N, C-alpha and C. Protein backbone atom coordinates (compact mmCIF):
# COMPACT_ATOMS: atom_id res chain seq x y z
N MET A 1 1.08 -1.39 0.05
CA MET A 1 -0.20 -0.29 0.09
C MET A 1 0.99 1.37 -0.01
N TYR A 2 1.95 1.32 0.68
CA TYR A 2 2.77 2.26 0.58
C TYR A 2 3.52 2.69 -1.04
N SER A 3 3.90 1.86 -1.31
CA SER A 3 4.34 2.00 -2.71
C SER A 3 3.32 2.42 -3.28
N VAL A 4 1.55 1.89 -3.47
CA VAL A 4 0.96 2.56 -4.27
C VAL A 4 0.58 4.12 -4.02
N ASN A 5 0.69 4.70 -2.70
CA ASN A 5 0.59 5.72 -2.52
C ASN A 5 1.92 6.57 -2.83
N LEU A 6 3.28 6.41 -2.50
CA LEU A 6 4.39 6.63 -3.33
C LEU A 6 4.15 7.11 -4.72
N LEU A 7 3.73 5.87 -5.48
CA LEU A 7 3.66 5.93 -6.89
C LEU A 7 2.48 7.20 -7.38
N GLU A 8 1.46 6.79 -6.85
CA GLU A 8 0.59 8.18 -6.63
C GLU A 8 1.02 9.39 -6.33
N SER A 9 1.74 9.46 -5.31
CA SER A 9 2.03 10.81 -5.06
C SER A 9 3.46 11.21 -6.10
N TRP A 10 3.83 10.49 -6.80
CA TRP A 10 4.87 10.84 -7.85
C TRP A 10 3.94 11.29 -8.96
N THR A 11 2.95 10.15 -9.30
CA THR A 11 2.60 10.89 -10.65
C THR A 11 1.78 11.99 -10.48
N GLU A 12 1.53 12.54 -9.17
CA GLU A 12 0.60 13.21 -8.84
C GLU A 12 1.59 15.18 -9.23
N LEU A 13 2.90 14.89 -8.76
CA LEU A 13 3.95 15.30 -8.36
C LEU A 13 4.50 15.41 -10.33
N ARG A 14 4.39 14.75 -10.97
CA ARG A 14 5.07 14.92 -11.77
C ARG A 14 3.83 15.53 -13.03
N GLU A 15 2.51 15.30 -12.97
CA GLU A 15 1.79 15.91 -13.31
C GLU A 15 1.40 17.11 -13.13
N LYS A 16 1.61 17.85 -11.72
CA LYS A 16 1.57 19.28 -11.45
C LYS A 16 2.88 19.90 -12.20
N LYS A 17 4.24 19.06 -12.08
CA LYS A 17 5.19 19.60 -12.41
C LYS A 17 5.00 19.91 -14.10
N GLY A 18 4.53 18.93 -14.71
CA GLY A 18 4.30 19.24 -16.06
C GLY A 18 3.06 20.41 -16.58
N LEU A 19 2.14 20.44 -15.76
CA LEU A 19 1.15 21.79 -15.83
C LEU A 19 1.66 22.66 -15.31
N ASP A 20 2.87 22.84 -14.13
CA ASP A 20 3.75 24.29 -14.28
C ASP A 20 4.69 24.64 -15.69
N GLU A 21 5.17 23.42 -16.06
CA GLU A 21 6.19 23.65 -17.01
C GLU A 21 5.02 24.22 -18.22
N GLY A 22 3.82 23.80 -18.43
CA GLY A 22 3.29 24.30 -19.56
C GLY A 22 2.67 25.36 -19.47
N SER A 23 2.63 25.42 -18.20
CA SER A 23 1.94 27.16 -17.60
C SER A 23 2.89 28.12 -17.97
N HIS A 24 4.50 27.60 -17.59
CA HIS A 24 5.67 28.70 -17.70
C HIS A 24 5.20 28.93 -18.98
N GLN A 25 5.22 27.74 -20.05
CA GLN A 25 5.50 27.90 -21.55
C GLN A 25 4.62 28.70 -22.18
N VAL A 26 3.21 28.54 -21.72
CA VAL A 26 2.10 29.57 -22.38
C VAL A 26 2.58 31.15 -22.13
N GLU A 27 3.11 31.17 -20.33
CA GLU A 27 3.72 32.49 -19.83
C GLU A 27 4.84 33.12 -20.79
N THR A 28 5.62 32.22 -21.29
CA THR A 28 7.06 32.58 -21.64
C THR A 28 6.01 32.95 -23.53
N SER A 29 5.28 32.18 -23.84
CA SER A 29 4.86 32.59 -25.33
C SER A 29 4.21 33.86 -25.32
N PHE A 30 3.22 33.68 -24.56
CA PHE A 30 2.30 34.84 -24.39
C PHE A 30 3.39 36.56 -24.56
N THR A 31 4.67 36.17 -23.40
CA THR A 31 5.26 37.10 -23.36
C THR A 31 5.94 37.64 -24.17
N GLU A 32 6.34 36.78 -25.34
CA GLU A 32 7.24 36.80 -26.38
C GLU A 32 6.62 37.49 -27.37
N LEU A 33 5.22 36.51 -27.34
CA LEU A 33 3.91 37.27 -28.35
C LEU A 33 3.85 38.85 -28.09
N HIS A 34 3.61 39.36 -27.09
CA HIS A 34 3.54 40.50 -26.39
C HIS A 34 4.63 41.41 -27.00
N LYS A 35 5.60 41.10 -26.81
CA LYS A 35 7.08 41.89 -26.90
C LYS A 35 7.04 42.10 -28.76
N ARG A 36 6.58 41.22 -29.49
CA ARG A 36 6.81 41.24 -31.13
C ARG A 36 5.13 42.16 -31.48
N TYR A 37 4.17 41.92 -30.36
CA TYR A 37 3.35 42.70 -31.30
C TYR A 37 3.56 44.36 -30.85
N ASP A 38 4.55 44.46 -29.60
CA ASP A 38 4.67 45.93 -29.24
C ASP A 38 5.98 46.31 -30.27
N GLN A 39 6.44 45.65 -30.50
CA GLN A 39 7.54 46.00 -31.96
C GLN A 39 7.02 46.23 -33.12
N MET A 40 6.30 45.36 -33.07
CA MET A 40 5.60 45.86 -34.85
C MET A 40 4.34 47.04 -34.47
N ARG A 41 4.05 47.36 -33.34
CA ARG A 41 3.31 48.35 -32.98
C ARG A 41 4.11 49.57 -33.32
N GLN A 42 5.58 49.57 -32.84
CA GLN A 42 6.43 50.70 -32.38
C GLN A 42 6.87 51.01 -34.28
N LEU A 43 7.27 49.56 -35.14
CA LEU A 43 7.22 49.83 -36.31
C LEU A 43 6.26 50.61 -37.02
N MET A 44 5.37 49.80 -37.01
CA MET A 44 4.23 50.63 -38.12
C MET A 44 4.09 52.25 -37.38
N VAL A 45 4.41 52.55 -35.71
CA VAL A 45 4.11 53.96 -35.52
C VAL A 45 5.03 54.80 -36.65
N ALA A 46 5.97 54.31 -36.51
CA ALA A 46 7.60 55.04 -37.38
C ALA A 46 7.09 54.66 -38.63
N VAL A 47 6.75 53.88 -39.61
CA VAL A 47 6.35 54.04 -40.79
C VAL A 47 5.44 55.14 -41.35
N TRP A 48 4.50 54.95 -40.52
CA TRP A 48 3.30 56.07 -40.19
C TRP A 48 3.95 57.78 -40.08
N GLN A 49 5.09 57.57 -39.50
CA GLN A 49 5.51 59.15 -39.00
C GLN A 49 6.59 59.18 -40.18
N ARG A 50 6.85 58.88 -40.49
CA ARG A 50 8.12 58.50 -41.88
C ARG A 50 7.40 59.11 -43.27
N GLY A 51 6.29 58.32 -43.40
CA GLY A 51 5.26 58.57 -44.32
C GLY A 51 4.92 59.98 -44.33
N LYS A 52 4.40 60.54 -43.45
CA LYS A 52 3.83 61.53 -42.59
C LYS A 52 4.61 62.46 -43.07
N SER A 53 5.75 62.60 -42.80
CA SER A 53 7.19 63.47 -42.71
C SER A 53 7.47 63.50 -44.42
N LEU A 54 7.68 62.18 -45.02
CA LEU A 54 7.73 62.43 -46.56
C LEU A 54 6.52 63.06 -47.58
N THR A 55 4.93 62.95 -47.03
CA THR A 55 4.32 63.34 -47.58
C THR A 55 4.31 65.25 -47.26
N GLN A 56 4.66 65.50 -46.13
CA GLN A 56 5.05 66.67 -46.05
C GLN A 56 6.46 67.32 -46.69
N HIS A 57 6.82 66.74 -46.96
CA HIS A 57 8.47 66.99 -47.86
C HIS A 57 7.97 66.97 -49.29
N ASN A 58 7.35 66.12 -49.58
CA ASN A 58 6.95 66.10 -51.12
C ASN A 58 6.01 67.55 -51.20
N GLN A 59 5.20 67.70 -50.42
CA GLN A 59 4.11 68.87 -50.54
C GLN A 59 5.12 69.94 -50.79
N GLU A 60 6.06 70.17 -49.63
CA GLU A 60 7.08 71.32 -49.80
C GLU A 60 7.72 71.46 -51.33
N LEU A 61 8.65 70.51 -51.82
CA LEU A 61 8.90 70.02 -52.87
C LEU A 61 8.05 70.50 -54.24
N GLN A 62 6.71 69.62 -54.03
CA GLN A 62 5.81 70.47 -55.29
C GLN A 62 5.80 71.87 -54.94
N ALA A 63 5.33 72.80 -53.90
CA ALA A 63 5.41 73.97 -54.07
C ALA A 63 6.92 74.81 -54.67
N LYS A 64 8.02 74.15 -54.09
CA LYS A 64 8.85 74.81 -54.80
C LYS A 64 9.08 74.86 -56.27
N ILE A 65 8.76 73.81 -56.66
CA ILE A 65 8.67 73.52 -58.20
C ILE A 65 7.55 74.21 -58.94
N GLN A 66 6.13 74.33 -58.24
CA GLN A 66 5.63 75.59 -59.01
C GLN A 66 5.92 76.93 -58.84
N GLU A 67 6.94 77.20 -57.83
CA GLU A 67 7.50 78.48 -57.84
C GLU A 67 8.37 78.85 -58.65
N ILE A 68 9.44 77.72 -58.77
CA ILE A 68 10.59 78.08 -59.87
C ILE A 68 9.53 77.89 -61.34
N LYS A 69 8.66 76.72 -61.58
CA LYS A 69 8.25 77.11 -62.52
C LYS A 69 7.25 78.23 -63.40
N ALA A 70 7.22 78.94 -62.18
CA ALA A 70 6.39 80.28 -62.52
C ALA A 70 7.23 81.56 -62.63
N GLU A 71 8.42 81.45 -62.21
CA GLU A 71 9.73 82.40 -62.29
C GLU A 71 10.06 82.06 -63.26
N PHE A 72 10.33 81.00 -63.69
CA PHE A 72 11.25 81.12 -64.84
C PHE A 72 9.69 81.03 -66.32
N GLN A 73 8.26 80.73 -66.00
CA GLN A 73 7.69 80.98 -66.85
C GLN A 73 7.63 82.56 -67.28
N SER A 74 7.56 83.66 -66.49
CA SER A 74 7.64 84.63 -66.21
C SER A 74 8.88 85.48 -66.53
N LYS A 75 10.22 84.95 -66.52
CA LYS A 75 11.38 85.62 -67.10
C LYS A 75 11.08 84.83 -68.40
N LEU A 76 10.95 83.76 -69.45
CA LEU A 76 10.36 83.28 -70.62
C LEU A 76 9.60 84.59 -71.25
N THR A 77 8.65 84.88 -70.60
CA THR A 77 7.83 85.77 -71.45
C THR A 77 8.29 87.14 -71.61
N ARG A 78 8.96 87.46 -70.43
CA ARG A 78 9.73 88.81 -70.30
C ARG A 78 10.70 88.74 -71.24
N SER A 79 11.28 87.71 -71.35
CA SER A 79 12.12 87.61 -72.53
C SER A 79 11.88 87.53 -74.16
N TYR A 80 10.79 87.29 -74.12
CA TYR A 80 10.11 86.92 -75.38
C TYR A 80 9.24 88.57 -75.50
N GLU A 81 8.84 89.06 -74.75
CA GLU A 81 8.29 90.55 -75.07
C GLU A 81 9.50 91.39 -75.30
N GLU A 82 10.66 91.21 -74.45
CA GLU A 82 11.83 92.03 -75.16
C GLU A 82 12.62 91.67 -76.56
N THR A 83 12.01 90.38 -76.55
CA THR A 83 12.65 89.95 -78.25
C THR A 83 12.17 90.72 -79.47
N HIS A 84 10.67 90.43 -79.12
CA HIS A 84 9.52 90.85 -79.61
C HIS A 84 9.47 92.41 -80.07
N GLU A 85 9.44 93.44 -79.04
CA GLU A 85 10.13 94.59 -79.00
C GLU A 85 10.92 95.05 -79.90
N SER A 86 12.32 94.30 -79.30
CA SER A 86 13.48 94.52 -80.41
C SER A 86 13.47 94.82 -81.48
N LEU A 87 12.70 93.37 -81.99
CA LEU A 87 12.39 93.14 -83.69
C LEU A 87 11.51 94.36 -84.16
N HIS A 88 10.64 94.28 -83.44
CA HIS A 88 9.44 95.61 -84.02
C HIS A 88 10.32 96.93 -84.24
N SER A 89 11.08 97.34 -82.72
CA SER A 89 12.01 98.45 -83.20
C SER A 89 13.12 97.97 -84.03
N PHE A 90 13.13 97.05 -84.77
CA PHE A 90 14.46 97.24 -85.80
C PHE A 90 13.71 97.46 -86.88
N TRP A 91 12.43 96.31 -87.33
CA TRP A 91 12.02 96.67 -88.58
C TRP A 91 11.11 97.97 -88.52
C-alpha cells in the first residue's frame, strides 16, 4: 500500500510539474508574443511618421517646383516680349 501511495504521489507531482512547465511555456509564449506585438506597433508608428514626413516633404517640393516654374515662365515671357519689342523697333 505504501508503494501505491508513493507511486500516486509521484504521478501527481509529475503531473503538477508538467502543468507548471506548460503554464510557464504559455506565459513565456505570451510574453514573447506581446514583445513582438509591441515591436510591430512601434515599427508601424515609425512607418506612419516617416510616411507623414515624406508627404509633407513632397508637398514642400511640389510648392517649390511650382514657384520655380512660375518664375521661369515669367522670365521666359519677359524675354519673349523684349525680343518681340527689339524686332519691332528694328523693322
